N, C-alpha and C. Protein backbone atom coordinates (compact mmCIF):
# COMPACT_ATOMS: atom_id res chain seq x y z
N MET A 1 0.81 -1.21 0.00
CA MET A 1 0.00 0.00 0.00
C MET A 1 0.85 1.26 0.00
N LYS A 2 2.06 1.19 0.58
CA LYS A 2 2.90 2.38 0.63
C LYS A 2 3.20 2.88 -0.77
N GLY A 3 3.52 1.95 -1.71
CA GLY A 3 3.83 2.34 -3.08
C GLY A 3 2.64 2.99 -3.74
N TYR A 4 1.43 2.43 -3.52
CA TYR A 4 0.23 3.00 -4.15
C TYR A 4 -0.03 4.39 -3.60
N PHE A 5 0.11 4.58 -2.28
CA PHE A 5 -0.13 5.88 -1.67
C PHE A 5 0.87 6.89 -2.20
N THR A 6 2.15 6.51 -2.28
CA THR A 6 3.18 7.40 -2.79
C THR A 6 2.85 7.84 -4.20
N ALA A 7 2.46 6.88 -5.06
CA ALA A 7 2.17 7.21 -6.45
C ALA A 7 0.92 8.08 -6.57
N THR A 8 -0.10 7.82 -5.74
CA THR A 8 -1.32 8.63 -5.79
C THR A 8 -1.03 10.05 -5.38
N LEU A 9 -0.25 10.24 -4.31
CA LEU A 9 0.13 11.56 -3.87
C LEU A 9 0.94 12.27 -4.94
N LEU A 10 1.86 11.54 -5.58
CA LEU A 10 2.66 12.11 -6.65
C LEU A 10 1.77 12.58 -7.79
N SER A 11 0.77 11.78 -8.14
CA SER A 11 -0.13 12.15 -9.23
C SER A 11 -0.87 13.44 -8.91
N LEU A 12 -1.30 13.61 -7.66
CA LEU A 12 -1.99 14.83 -7.28
C LEU A 12 -1.07 16.03 -7.39
N VAL A 13 0.18 15.87 -6.96
CA VAL A 13 1.15 16.96 -7.06
C VAL A 13 1.38 17.32 -8.52
N LEU A 14 1.52 16.30 -9.38
CA LEU A 14 1.76 16.55 -10.80
C LEU A 14 0.57 17.24 -11.44
N LEU A 15 -0.64 16.83 -11.06
CA LEU A 15 -1.83 17.46 -11.63
C LEU A 15 -1.92 18.92 -11.23
N ILE A 16 -1.55 19.22 -9.98
CA ILE A 16 -1.59 20.60 -9.51
C ILE A 16 -0.56 21.44 -10.25
N SER A 17 0.67 20.91 -10.39
CA SER A 17 1.73 21.65 -11.07
C SER A 17 1.54 21.63 -12.57
N GLY A 18 0.85 20.60 -13.07
CA GLY A 18 0.44 20.56 -14.46
C GLY A 18 1.38 19.87 -15.40
N CYS A 19 2.68 19.89 -15.14
CA CYS A 19 3.65 19.38 -16.11
C CYS A 19 3.32 19.92 -17.50
N GLN A 20 2.92 21.19 -17.57
CA GLN A 20 2.39 21.74 -18.81
C GLN A 20 3.43 22.50 -19.62
N SER A 21 4.45 23.02 -18.99
CA SER A 21 5.37 23.88 -19.72
C SER A 21 6.47 23.06 -20.37
N ASP A 22 7.25 23.74 -21.21
CA ASP A 22 8.38 23.08 -21.84
C ASP A 22 9.62 23.16 -20.96
N SER A 23 9.52 23.70 -19.77
CA SER A 23 10.63 23.69 -18.83
C SER A 23 10.59 22.40 -18.05
N ALA A 24 11.57 22.24 -17.15
CA ALA A 24 11.65 20.98 -16.41
C ALA A 24 10.37 20.74 -15.61
N CYS A 25 9.88 19.52 -15.63
CA CYS A 25 8.68 19.17 -14.88
C CYS A 25 9.05 18.97 -13.41
N CYS A 26 8.02 18.87 -12.62
CA CYS A 26 8.27 18.78 -11.19
C CYS A 26 8.91 17.45 -10.81
N GLY A 27 9.64 17.44 -9.72
CA GLY A 27 10.24 16.24 -9.18
C GLY A 27 9.97 16.18 -7.69
N THR A 28 10.56 15.22 -7.00
CA THR A 28 10.34 15.12 -5.56
C THR A 28 11.68 14.89 -4.88
N GLY A 29 11.92 15.63 -3.81
CA GLY A 29 13.10 15.39 -3.01
C GLY A 29 14.40 15.66 -3.75
N LYS A 30 15.50 15.11 -3.20
CA LYS A 30 16.83 15.27 -3.78
C LYS A 30 17.07 14.18 -4.80
N ALA A 31 17.22 14.55 -6.05
CA ALA A 31 17.29 13.58 -7.14
C ALA A 31 18.73 13.37 -7.62
N ILE A 32 18.97 12.20 -8.16
CA ILE A 32 20.24 11.87 -8.81
C ILE A 32 20.09 12.11 -10.29
N GLU A 33 20.94 12.91 -10.88
CA GLU A 33 20.92 13.16 -12.32
C GLU A 33 21.54 11.96 -13.03
N LEU A 34 20.77 11.28 -13.86
CA LEU A 34 21.30 10.13 -14.58
C LEU A 34 22.00 10.52 -15.87
N LEU A 35 21.85 11.77 -16.28
CA LEU A 35 22.58 12.31 -17.44
C LEU A 35 23.45 13.47 -16.98
N ASN A 36 24.68 13.55 -17.51
CA ASN A 36 25.54 14.67 -17.14
C ASN A 36 25.34 15.87 -18.06
N GLY A 37 24.50 15.73 -19.09
CA GLY A 37 24.19 16.84 -19.99
C GLY A 37 25.15 17.02 -21.13
N GLN A 38 26.26 16.25 -21.12
CA GLN A 38 27.29 16.43 -22.15
C GLN A 38 27.52 15.18 -22.99
N ASP A 39 27.44 14.02 -22.34
CA ASP A 39 27.66 12.78 -23.06
C ASP A 39 26.91 11.66 -22.33
N LEU A 40 27.15 10.42 -22.76
CA LEU A 40 26.41 9.29 -22.20
C LEU A 40 27.27 8.47 -21.24
N THR A 41 28.16 9.14 -20.53
CA THR A 41 28.91 8.49 -19.46
C THR A 41 27.92 7.91 -18.44
N GLY A 42 28.18 6.66 -18.05
CA GLY A 42 27.29 5.99 -17.10
C GLY A 42 26.22 5.16 -17.76
N TRP A 43 26.21 5.15 -19.10
CA TRP A 43 25.23 4.38 -19.85
C TRP A 43 25.93 3.43 -20.81
N THR A 44 25.34 2.26 -21.01
CA THR A 44 25.78 1.30 -22.03
C THR A 44 24.81 1.38 -23.20
N LEU A 45 25.36 1.48 -24.42
CA LEU A 45 24.55 1.56 -25.64
C LEU A 45 24.58 0.20 -26.31
N TYR A 46 23.40 -0.36 -26.56
CA TYR A 46 23.35 -1.73 -27.09
C TYR A 46 22.46 -1.82 -28.33
N VAL A 47 23.01 -2.42 -29.37
CA VAL A 47 22.25 -2.89 -30.53
C VAL A 47 22.77 -4.29 -30.84
N PRO A 48 21.93 -5.18 -31.36
CA PRO A 48 22.37 -6.55 -31.59
C PRO A 48 23.36 -6.70 -32.73
N ASP A 49 23.41 -5.73 -33.65
CA ASP A 49 24.31 -5.78 -34.80
C ASP A 49 25.61 -5.07 -34.46
N GLU A 50 26.69 -5.83 -34.34
CA GLU A 50 27.97 -5.26 -33.96
C GLU A 50 28.55 -4.35 -35.03
N ASN A 51 28.02 -4.40 -36.23
CA ASN A 51 28.51 -3.55 -37.32
C ASN A 51 27.89 -2.15 -37.30
N VAL A 52 26.89 -1.94 -36.44
CA VAL A 52 26.25 -0.64 -36.34
C VAL A 52 27.02 0.24 -35.36
N ASP A 53 27.34 1.45 -35.78
CA ASP A 53 28.01 2.42 -34.91
C ASP A 53 26.95 3.06 -34.01
N VAL A 54 27.01 2.79 -32.71
CA VAL A 54 25.98 3.30 -31.80
C VAL A 54 25.96 4.83 -31.76
N ALA A 55 27.07 5.46 -32.15
CA ALA A 55 27.12 6.92 -32.16
C ALA A 55 26.20 7.51 -33.23
N THR A 56 25.78 6.68 -34.19
CA THR A 56 24.84 7.15 -35.21
C THR A 56 23.40 7.05 -34.71
N ILE A 57 23.21 6.42 -33.57
CA ILE A 57 21.87 6.26 -33.02
C ILE A 57 21.63 7.21 -31.85
N TRP A 58 22.58 7.31 -30.93
CA TRP A 58 22.43 8.16 -29.75
C TRP A 58 23.47 9.26 -29.73
N SER A 59 23.04 10.45 -29.36
CA SER A 59 23.94 11.58 -29.18
C SER A 59 23.34 12.53 -28.15
N VAL A 60 24.17 13.42 -27.61
CA VAL A 60 23.73 14.37 -26.60
C VAL A 60 24.12 15.78 -27.04
N GLN A 61 23.16 16.70 -26.94
CA GLN A 61 23.44 18.09 -27.25
C GLN A 61 22.59 18.97 -26.34
N ASP A 62 23.25 19.91 -25.67
CA ASP A 62 22.56 20.85 -24.78
C ASP A 62 21.67 20.15 -23.76
N GLY A 63 22.18 19.04 -23.22
CA GLY A 63 21.47 18.33 -22.18
C GLY A 63 20.35 17.43 -22.64
N VAL A 64 20.17 17.31 -23.96
CA VAL A 64 19.09 16.49 -24.52
C VAL A 64 19.69 15.30 -25.25
N VAL A 65 19.17 14.10 -24.95
CA VAL A 65 19.58 12.89 -25.67
C VAL A 65 18.72 12.76 -26.92
N HIS A 66 19.38 12.65 -28.06
CA HIS A 66 18.67 12.39 -29.31
C HIS A 66 18.90 10.95 -29.71
N CYS A 67 17.82 10.25 -29.99
CA CYS A 67 17.88 8.86 -30.47
C CYS A 67 17.24 8.82 -31.85
N SER A 68 17.99 8.37 -32.83
CA SER A 68 17.49 8.34 -34.20
C SER A 68 16.42 7.28 -34.40
N GLY A 69 16.44 6.23 -33.57
CA GLY A 69 15.48 5.14 -33.72
C GLY A 69 15.71 4.28 -34.94
N ALA A 70 16.84 4.48 -35.61
CA ALA A 70 17.08 3.79 -36.89
C ALA A 70 17.30 2.30 -36.72
N THR A 71 17.84 1.90 -35.57
CA THR A 71 18.10 0.48 -35.29
C THR A 71 17.54 0.14 -33.93
N ASN A 72 16.86 -0.98 -33.82
CA ASN A 72 16.31 -1.39 -32.52
C ASN A 72 17.42 -1.71 -31.54
N GLY A 73 17.26 -1.25 -30.33
CA GLY A 73 18.23 -1.49 -29.25
C GLY A 73 17.84 -0.63 -28.06
N TYR A 74 18.81 -0.34 -27.20
CA TYR A 74 18.51 0.51 -26.04
C TYR A 74 19.79 1.06 -25.45
N MET A 75 19.65 2.12 -24.70
CA MET A 75 20.70 2.61 -23.81
C MET A 75 20.24 2.31 -22.40
N ARG A 76 21.17 1.82 -21.58
CA ARG A 76 20.80 1.46 -20.20
C ARG A 76 21.84 1.97 -19.23
N THR A 77 21.41 2.18 -17.99
CA THR A 77 22.34 2.61 -16.96
C THR A 77 23.33 1.49 -16.65
N ASN A 78 24.56 1.87 -16.34
CA ASN A 78 25.55 0.87 -15.91
C ASN A 78 25.22 0.35 -14.51
N GLU A 79 24.60 1.19 -13.71
CA GLU A 79 24.25 0.82 -12.35
C GLU A 79 22.86 0.19 -12.29
N SER A 80 22.66 -0.65 -11.28
CA SER A 80 21.34 -1.21 -11.00
C SER A 80 20.67 -0.39 -9.90
N TYR A 81 19.35 -0.30 -9.98
CA TYR A 81 18.60 0.51 -9.02
C TYR A 81 17.36 -0.24 -8.53
N ALA A 82 16.94 0.09 -7.32
CA ALA A 82 15.69 -0.41 -6.74
C ALA A 82 15.12 0.68 -5.86
N ASP A 83 13.80 0.66 -5.64
CA ASP A 83 13.13 1.57 -4.71
C ASP A 83 13.43 3.03 -5.07
N TYR A 84 12.74 3.52 -6.10
CA TYR A 84 13.04 4.86 -6.60
C TYR A 84 11.83 5.48 -7.28
N HIS A 85 11.91 6.79 -7.40
CA HIS A 85 11.01 7.56 -8.27
C HIS A 85 11.85 8.01 -9.46
N LEU A 86 11.52 7.50 -10.63
CA LEU A 86 12.20 7.88 -11.87
C LEU A 86 11.38 8.93 -12.57
N HIS A 87 12.01 10.05 -12.89
CA HIS A 87 11.36 11.10 -13.67
C HIS A 87 12.14 11.30 -14.96
N LEU A 88 11.42 11.37 -16.07
CA LEU A 88 12.06 11.70 -17.34
C LEU A 88 11.07 12.43 -18.23
N GLU A 89 11.61 13.14 -19.20
CA GLU A 89 10.79 13.84 -20.18
C GLU A 89 11.17 13.36 -21.57
N TRP A 90 10.17 13.25 -22.45
CA TRP A 90 10.43 12.81 -23.82
C TRP A 90 9.54 13.56 -24.80
N ARG A 91 10.01 13.62 -26.04
CA ARG A 91 9.16 14.15 -27.11
C ARG A 91 9.55 13.48 -28.43
N TRP A 92 8.57 13.40 -29.32
CA TRP A 92 8.81 12.88 -30.66
C TRP A 92 9.28 14.02 -31.54
N VAL A 93 10.37 13.76 -32.27
CA VAL A 93 10.96 14.79 -33.12
C VAL A 93 10.14 14.99 -34.38
N ALA A 94 9.65 13.91 -34.95
CA ALA A 94 8.86 13.98 -36.18
C ALA A 94 7.55 13.23 -35.94
N GLU A 95 7.26 12.24 -36.77
CA GLU A 95 6.06 11.43 -36.56
C GLU A 95 6.22 10.58 -35.30
N PRO A 96 5.22 10.54 -34.44
CA PRO A 96 5.29 9.69 -33.25
C PRO A 96 5.51 8.23 -33.64
N ALA A 97 6.33 7.54 -32.85
CA ALA A 97 6.68 6.15 -33.18
C ALA A 97 6.65 5.31 -31.92
N ASN A 98 7.69 4.51 -31.70
CA ASN A 98 7.71 3.55 -30.61
C ASN A 98 8.99 3.71 -29.80
N SER A 99 8.89 3.48 -28.51
CA SER A 99 10.03 3.44 -27.59
C SER A 99 9.50 2.89 -26.28
N GLY A 100 10.32 2.90 -25.26
CA GLY A 100 9.88 2.40 -23.97
C GLY A 100 10.94 2.60 -22.91
N VAL A 101 10.50 2.57 -21.66
CA VAL A 101 11.40 2.63 -20.50
C VAL A 101 11.47 1.22 -19.94
N LEU A 102 12.66 0.64 -19.96
CA LEU A 102 12.86 -0.73 -19.49
C LEU A 102 13.26 -0.70 -18.02
N LEU A 103 12.48 -1.36 -17.19
CA LEU A 103 12.71 -1.36 -15.74
C LEU A 103 13.25 -2.70 -15.28
N HIS A 104 14.20 -2.66 -14.36
CA HIS A 104 14.71 -3.87 -13.70
C HIS A 104 15.26 -4.88 -14.71
N ILE A 105 16.12 -4.41 -15.62
CA ILE A 105 16.71 -5.29 -16.63
C ILE A 105 17.53 -6.38 -15.95
N GLN A 106 17.36 -7.61 -16.42
CA GLN A 106 18.05 -8.76 -15.85
C GLN A 106 18.90 -9.45 -16.92
N GLY A 107 20.04 -10.00 -16.48
CA GLY A 107 20.84 -10.85 -17.37
C GLY A 107 21.60 -10.08 -18.43
N GLU A 108 21.97 -10.81 -19.48
CA GLU A 108 22.80 -10.25 -20.54
C GLU A 108 22.01 -9.27 -21.40
N ASP A 109 22.77 -8.38 -22.06
CA ASP A 109 22.16 -7.48 -23.02
C ASP A 109 21.73 -8.27 -24.25
N LYS A 110 20.47 -8.09 -24.65
CA LYS A 110 19.94 -8.66 -25.88
C LYS A 110 18.79 -7.79 -26.32
N LEU A 111 18.31 -7.98 -27.54
CA LEU A 111 17.33 -7.07 -28.11
C LEU A 111 16.12 -6.89 -27.21
N TRP A 112 15.60 -7.98 -26.67
CA TRP A 112 14.46 -7.91 -25.75
C TRP A 112 14.89 -8.54 -24.43
N PRO A 113 15.47 -7.76 -23.54
CA PRO A 113 15.97 -8.33 -22.29
C PRO A 113 14.83 -8.68 -21.32
N VAL A 114 15.16 -9.48 -20.34
CA VAL A 114 14.21 -9.76 -19.25
C VAL A 114 14.00 -8.46 -18.47
N CYS A 115 12.76 -7.97 -18.43
CA CYS A 115 12.47 -6.71 -17.74
C CYS A 115 10.96 -6.48 -17.74
N ILE A 116 10.55 -5.39 -17.14
CA ILE A 116 9.18 -4.89 -17.25
C ILE A 116 9.27 -3.52 -17.90
N GLU A 117 8.51 -3.34 -18.98
CA GLU A 117 8.58 -2.09 -19.75
C GLU A 117 7.42 -1.17 -19.40
N SER A 118 7.76 0.11 -19.16
CA SER A 118 6.75 1.16 -19.15
C SER A 118 6.72 1.73 -20.56
N GLN A 119 5.64 1.50 -21.25
CA GLN A 119 5.54 1.74 -22.69
C GLN A 119 5.64 3.22 -23.04
N LEU A 120 6.29 3.50 -24.19
CA LEU A 120 6.32 4.84 -24.78
C LEU A 120 5.79 4.85 -26.21
N TRP A 121 5.30 3.74 -26.69
CA TRP A 121 4.69 3.69 -28.01
C TRP A 121 3.60 4.76 -28.07
N SER A 122 3.64 5.58 -29.12
CA SER A 122 2.72 6.70 -29.21
C SER A 122 1.27 6.24 -29.04
N GLY A 123 0.56 6.91 -28.14
CA GLY A 123 -0.82 6.57 -27.85
C GLY A 123 -0.97 5.52 -26.77
N LYS A 124 0.14 4.88 -26.39
CA LYS A 124 0.08 3.78 -25.43
C LYS A 124 0.96 4.03 -24.20
N ALA A 125 1.50 5.24 -24.07
CA ALA A 125 2.34 5.54 -22.91
C ALA A 125 1.53 5.33 -21.63
N GLY A 126 2.08 4.53 -20.75
CA GLY A 126 1.37 4.13 -19.54
C GLY A 126 1.03 2.66 -19.52
N ASP A 127 1.02 2.01 -20.70
CA ASP A 127 0.92 0.54 -20.73
C ASP A 127 2.12 -0.05 -20.02
N LEU A 128 1.96 -1.23 -19.44
CA LEU A 128 3.08 -2.03 -18.95
C LEU A 128 3.22 -3.24 -19.86
N VAL A 129 4.46 -3.66 -20.11
CA VAL A 129 4.72 -4.84 -20.92
C VAL A 129 5.63 -5.78 -20.14
N LEU A 130 5.17 -6.99 -19.90
CA LEU A 130 5.99 -8.02 -19.25
C LEU A 130 6.78 -8.72 -20.34
N ILE A 131 8.11 -8.57 -20.30
CA ILE A 131 8.96 -9.10 -21.36
C ILE A 131 9.73 -10.33 -20.85
N ASN A 132 9.64 -11.40 -21.62
CA ASN A 132 10.36 -12.65 -21.30
C ASN A 132 9.92 -13.23 -19.96
N TRP A 133 8.59 -13.33 -19.84
CA TRP A 133 7.98 -14.08 -18.73
C TRP A 133 8.21 -13.47 -17.36
N THR A 134 8.35 -12.16 -17.30
CA THR A 134 8.28 -11.49 -16.00
C THR A 134 6.81 -11.44 -15.58
N GLY A 135 6.56 -10.95 -14.37
CA GLY A 135 5.20 -10.97 -13.86
C GLY A 135 4.88 -9.75 -13.02
N ILE A 136 3.59 -9.47 -12.88
CA ILE A 136 3.11 -8.42 -11.98
C ILE A 136 1.63 -8.68 -11.73
N THR A 137 1.12 -8.19 -10.61
CA THR A 137 -0.29 -8.35 -10.26
C THR A 137 -1.00 -7.01 -10.39
N ILE A 138 -2.12 -7.00 -11.13
CA ILE A 138 -2.90 -5.79 -11.34
C ILE A 138 -4.31 -6.04 -10.79
N ASP A 139 -4.74 -5.21 -9.86
CA ASP A 139 -6.08 -5.34 -9.28
C ASP A 139 -6.35 -6.77 -8.80
N GLY A 140 -5.33 -7.36 -8.18
CA GLY A 140 -5.48 -8.70 -7.62
C GLY A 140 -5.32 -9.84 -8.60
N LYS A 141 -5.07 -9.54 -9.88
CA LYS A 141 -4.92 -10.59 -10.88
C LYS A 141 -3.47 -10.73 -11.30
N ASP A 142 -2.95 -11.95 -11.23
CA ASP A 142 -1.59 -12.23 -11.69
C ASP A 142 -1.58 -12.19 -13.21
N MET A 143 -0.81 -11.24 -13.78
CA MET A 143 -0.81 -11.04 -15.22
C MET A 143 0.22 -11.90 -15.96
N ALA A 144 1.07 -12.62 -15.25
CA ALA A 144 2.08 -13.46 -15.90
C ALA A 144 1.40 -14.55 -16.73
N ASP A 145 2.00 -14.84 -17.88
CA ASP A 145 1.47 -15.89 -18.76
C ASP A 145 2.64 -16.73 -19.25
N PRO A 146 2.75 -17.97 -18.80
CA PRO A 146 3.89 -18.82 -19.19
C PRO A 146 3.91 -19.13 -20.68
N ASN A 147 2.82 -18.84 -21.38
CA ASN A 147 2.74 -19.14 -22.81
C ASN A 147 2.96 -17.92 -23.70
N THR A 148 3.19 -16.76 -23.06
CA THR A 148 3.31 -15.52 -23.82
C THR A 148 4.58 -14.79 -23.42
N GLN A 149 5.44 -14.51 -24.40
CA GLN A 149 6.71 -13.84 -24.13
C GLN A 149 6.51 -12.36 -23.81
N TYR A 150 5.48 -11.75 -24.40
CA TYR A 150 5.21 -10.32 -24.20
C TYR A 150 3.75 -10.16 -23.77
N VAL A 151 3.55 -9.78 -22.52
CA VAL A 151 2.19 -9.55 -22.01
C VAL A 151 1.98 -8.05 -21.89
N VAL A 152 0.99 -7.52 -22.62
CA VAL A 152 0.69 -6.09 -22.60
C VAL A 152 -0.44 -5.83 -21.60
N ILE A 153 -0.20 -4.90 -20.68
CA ILE A 153 -1.19 -4.51 -19.69
C ILE A 153 -1.60 -3.07 -20.01
N PRO A 154 -2.78 -2.88 -20.57
CA PRO A 154 -3.18 -1.54 -21.03
C PRO A 154 -3.25 -0.52 -19.90
N LYS A 155 -2.97 0.73 -20.26
CA LYS A 155 -3.12 1.83 -19.32
C LYS A 155 -4.56 1.96 -18.88
N GLN A 156 -4.78 2.64 -17.76
CA GLN A 156 -6.10 2.68 -17.12
C GLN A 156 -7.01 3.77 -17.68
N HIS A 157 -6.43 4.76 -18.37
CA HIS A 157 -7.20 5.90 -18.84
C HIS A 157 -6.85 6.21 -20.29
N PRO A 158 -7.66 7.01 -20.98
CA PRO A 158 -7.29 7.44 -22.33
C PRO A 158 -5.93 8.13 -22.33
N SER A 159 -5.31 8.17 -23.50
CA SER A 159 -3.97 8.72 -23.61
C SER A 159 -3.88 10.13 -23.03
N SER A 160 -2.85 10.35 -22.22
CA SER A 160 -2.59 11.68 -21.66
C SER A 160 -1.33 12.29 -22.27
N GLU A 161 -0.94 11.79 -23.44
CA GLU A 161 0.25 12.28 -24.13
C GLU A 161 -0.02 13.59 -24.87
N LYS A 162 1.04 14.31 -25.15
CA LYS A 162 0.97 15.56 -25.91
C LYS A 162 1.36 15.30 -27.37
N PRO A 163 1.01 16.21 -28.26
CA PRO A 163 1.36 16.03 -29.67
C PRO A 163 2.86 16.02 -29.90
N ALA A 164 3.27 15.46 -31.04
CA ALA A 164 4.69 15.44 -31.42
C ALA A 164 5.26 16.84 -31.35
N GLY A 165 6.52 16.91 -30.86
CA GLY A 165 7.19 18.20 -30.72
C GLY A 165 7.08 18.80 -29.34
N GLN A 166 6.11 18.36 -28.54
CA GLN A 166 5.94 18.86 -27.19
C GLN A 166 6.51 17.87 -26.18
N TRP A 167 7.04 18.39 -25.08
CA TRP A 167 7.64 17.55 -24.06
C TRP A 167 6.57 16.93 -23.17
N ASN A 168 6.76 15.65 -22.89
CA ASN A 168 5.91 14.88 -21.97
C ASN A 168 6.70 14.51 -20.73
N CYS A 169 5.98 14.28 -19.63
CA CYS A 169 6.59 13.83 -18.38
C CYS A 169 6.18 12.39 -18.07
N TYR A 170 7.15 11.58 -17.74
CA TYR A 170 6.89 10.22 -17.25
C TYR A 170 7.43 10.16 -15.82
N ASP A 171 6.60 9.75 -14.88
CA ASP A 171 7.02 9.55 -13.49
C ASP A 171 6.68 8.13 -13.10
N ILE A 172 7.72 7.36 -12.82
CA ILE A 172 7.58 5.93 -12.54
C ILE A 172 8.11 5.67 -11.13
N VAL A 173 7.27 5.12 -10.29
CA VAL A 173 7.67 4.80 -8.92
C VAL A 173 7.79 3.30 -8.78
N CYS A 174 8.99 2.84 -8.44
CA CYS A 174 9.25 1.43 -8.15
C CYS A 174 9.56 1.33 -6.66
N ASP A 175 8.62 0.77 -5.93
CA ASP A 175 8.72 0.70 -4.46
C ASP A 175 8.59 -0.75 -4.05
N GLY A 176 9.70 -1.38 -3.74
CA GLY A 176 9.66 -2.81 -3.46
C GLY A 176 9.23 -3.55 -4.71
N ASP A 177 8.13 -4.31 -4.62
CA ASP A 177 7.66 -5.05 -5.78
C ASP A 177 6.49 -4.36 -6.48
N SER A 178 6.28 -3.06 -6.19
CA SER A 178 5.21 -2.32 -6.86
C SER A 178 5.79 -1.39 -7.92
N ILE A 179 5.00 -1.14 -8.98
CA ILE A 179 5.37 -0.22 -10.04
C ILE A 179 4.15 0.62 -10.38
N THR A 180 4.31 1.93 -10.40
CA THR A 180 3.25 2.82 -10.86
C THR A 180 3.79 3.74 -11.94
N SER A 181 2.96 4.05 -12.94
CA SER A 181 3.37 4.87 -14.07
C SER A 181 2.41 6.03 -14.23
N THR A 182 2.94 7.25 -14.20
CA THR A 182 2.16 8.46 -14.33
C THR A 182 2.63 9.24 -15.55
N VAL A 183 1.72 9.58 -16.46
CA VAL A 183 2.05 10.28 -17.69
C VAL A 183 1.39 11.65 -17.68
N ASN A 184 2.21 12.70 -17.65
CA ASN A 184 1.69 14.07 -17.63
C ASN A 184 0.63 14.26 -16.55
N GLY A 185 0.92 13.71 -15.37
CA GLY A 185 0.06 13.92 -14.22
C GLY A 185 -1.08 12.95 -14.08
N VAL A 186 -1.25 12.03 -15.03
CA VAL A 186 -2.33 11.05 -14.98
C VAL A 186 -1.77 9.70 -14.60
N LEU A 187 -2.24 9.14 -13.48
CA LEU A 187 -1.81 7.81 -13.05
C LEU A 187 -2.40 6.78 -14.01
N GLN A 188 -1.55 6.19 -14.86
CA GLN A 188 -2.02 5.31 -15.93
C GLN A 188 -1.95 3.84 -15.59
N ASN A 189 -1.08 3.45 -14.66
CA ASN A 189 -0.97 2.03 -14.34
C ASN A 189 -0.37 1.85 -12.95
N SER A 190 -0.78 0.78 -12.30
CA SER A 190 -0.27 0.48 -10.96
C SER A 190 -0.36 -1.01 -10.72
N GLY A 191 0.76 -1.61 -10.34
CA GLY A 191 0.78 -3.05 -10.08
C GLY A 191 1.66 -3.39 -8.90
N THR A 192 1.48 -4.59 -8.38
CA THR A 192 2.25 -5.08 -7.23
C THR A 192 2.78 -6.47 -7.54
N ARG A 193 3.60 -6.97 -6.65
CA ARG A 193 4.17 -8.31 -6.76
C ARG A 193 4.93 -8.51 -8.07
N ALA A 194 5.66 -7.48 -8.47
CA ALA A 194 6.51 -7.62 -9.66
C ALA A 194 7.55 -8.70 -9.41
N SER A 195 7.81 -9.50 -10.44
CA SER A 195 8.73 -10.62 -10.28
C SER A 195 10.19 -10.17 -10.33
N VAL A 196 10.44 -8.97 -10.82
CA VAL A 196 11.79 -8.38 -10.80
C VAL A 196 11.67 -7.03 -10.12
N THR A 197 12.63 -6.71 -9.25
CA THR A 197 12.49 -5.52 -8.42
C THR A 197 13.74 -4.64 -8.40
N PHE A 198 14.76 -5.00 -9.17
CA PHE A 198 15.96 -4.16 -9.24
C PHE A 198 16.65 -4.43 -10.57
N GLY A 199 17.54 -3.52 -10.94
CA GLY A 199 18.30 -3.72 -12.17
C GLY A 199 18.53 -2.40 -12.88
N PRO A 200 19.29 -2.42 -13.98
CA PRO A 200 19.48 -1.21 -14.77
C PRO A 200 18.17 -0.70 -15.36
N ILE A 201 18.18 0.56 -15.77
CA ILE A 201 17.06 1.23 -16.42
C ILE A 201 17.45 1.49 -17.87
N GLY A 202 16.56 1.18 -18.81
CA GLY A 202 16.87 1.34 -20.22
C GLY A 202 15.88 2.22 -20.95
N LEU A 203 16.35 2.87 -22.03
CA LEU A 203 15.51 3.67 -22.92
C LEU A 203 15.66 3.10 -24.32
N GLN A 204 14.56 2.75 -24.95
CA GLN A 204 14.61 2.02 -26.21
C GLN A 204 14.81 2.92 -27.43
N SER A 205 15.51 2.37 -28.40
CA SER A 205 15.52 2.85 -29.78
C SER A 205 14.65 1.88 -30.56
N GLU A 206 13.52 2.39 -31.10
CA GLU A 206 12.59 1.44 -31.70
C GLU A 206 11.66 2.14 -32.69
N GLY A 207 12.21 2.57 -33.83
CA GLY A 207 11.30 2.94 -34.91
C GLY A 207 11.23 4.38 -35.33
N GLY A 208 11.69 5.33 -34.51
CA GLY A 208 11.58 6.72 -34.91
C GLY A 208 12.35 7.63 -33.99
N PRO A 209 12.69 8.85 -34.48
CA PRO A 209 13.47 9.79 -33.67
C PRO A 209 12.72 10.23 -32.42
N ILE A 210 13.40 10.15 -31.29
CA ILE A 210 12.83 10.55 -30.01
C ILE A 210 13.91 11.24 -29.20
N GLU A 211 13.51 12.19 -28.36
CA GLU A 211 14.46 12.89 -27.50
C GLU A 211 14.07 12.72 -26.04
N PHE A 212 15.10 12.68 -25.18
CA PHE A 212 14.91 12.56 -23.74
C PHE A 212 15.69 13.66 -23.03
N ARG A 213 15.17 14.11 -21.91
CA ARG A 213 15.91 15.07 -21.08
C ARG A 213 15.45 14.93 -19.63
N ASN A 214 16.19 15.61 -18.73
CA ASN A 214 15.83 15.67 -17.31
C ASN A 214 15.51 14.28 -16.74
N ILE A 215 16.45 13.38 -16.91
CA ILE A 215 16.28 12.02 -16.39
C ILE A 215 16.87 11.98 -14.99
N THR A 216 16.01 11.88 -13.99
CA THR A 216 16.45 11.90 -12.60
C THR A 216 15.86 10.72 -11.84
N LEU A 217 16.58 10.32 -10.83
CA LEU A 217 16.16 9.20 -10.00
C LEU A 217 16.26 9.63 -8.54
N THR A 218 15.15 9.53 -7.84
CA THR A 218 15.12 9.87 -6.43
C THR A 218 14.91 8.62 -5.60
N PRO A 219 15.89 8.21 -4.78
CA PRO A 219 15.69 7.03 -3.93
C PRO A 219 14.53 7.25 -2.97
N LEU A 220 13.75 6.20 -2.76
CA LEU A 220 12.64 6.27 -1.83
C LEU A 220 13.15 6.09 -0.41
N PRO A 221 12.49 6.72 0.56
CA PRO A 221 12.94 6.58 1.96
C PRO A 221 12.65 5.18 2.47
């Protein structure tokens, strides 16, 4: 219940502040900056094709990460994390496409690692995706499916995303085995009993140019 209460309170704060401007959205407490604003130190860049130069996919300018989306893969933190409030902002550079925030990555780097994804696919931000037989409980129902490699758990409300070119806020609270996802102040998903509860955090390259900024992580008390 602590995770649900924290996320609900966070959603109310976000709704009050609005997350409406193109400046940095609100955060909570003392946060750790996961980007240094100049380069991708502290992150591993992964694509399955060793012949692809990752520098052609990810770059940093003026504190903003640009991802071309030309090749499927992801950038992930070198460090593993648990019990945190993750805040990030994203926008589509051109036509909205697909991406995602990979939580609690496990094992070796591969195109679809073991993890739970907070979806960024345009129109579906707030969905959860159980990748490679991970699990979570939503409203008392165990969503794991031993026969399905990718289980999609739809968001709870209509899309709260902004049009291409405008910055969006994602606030994800991972508290023990609970995960909640808030998009632009709207609590879109909440689950408990996640089968993975720690690991690196990843941002996907998957289909189209996307930008990220203000990626911060606040440890929970």
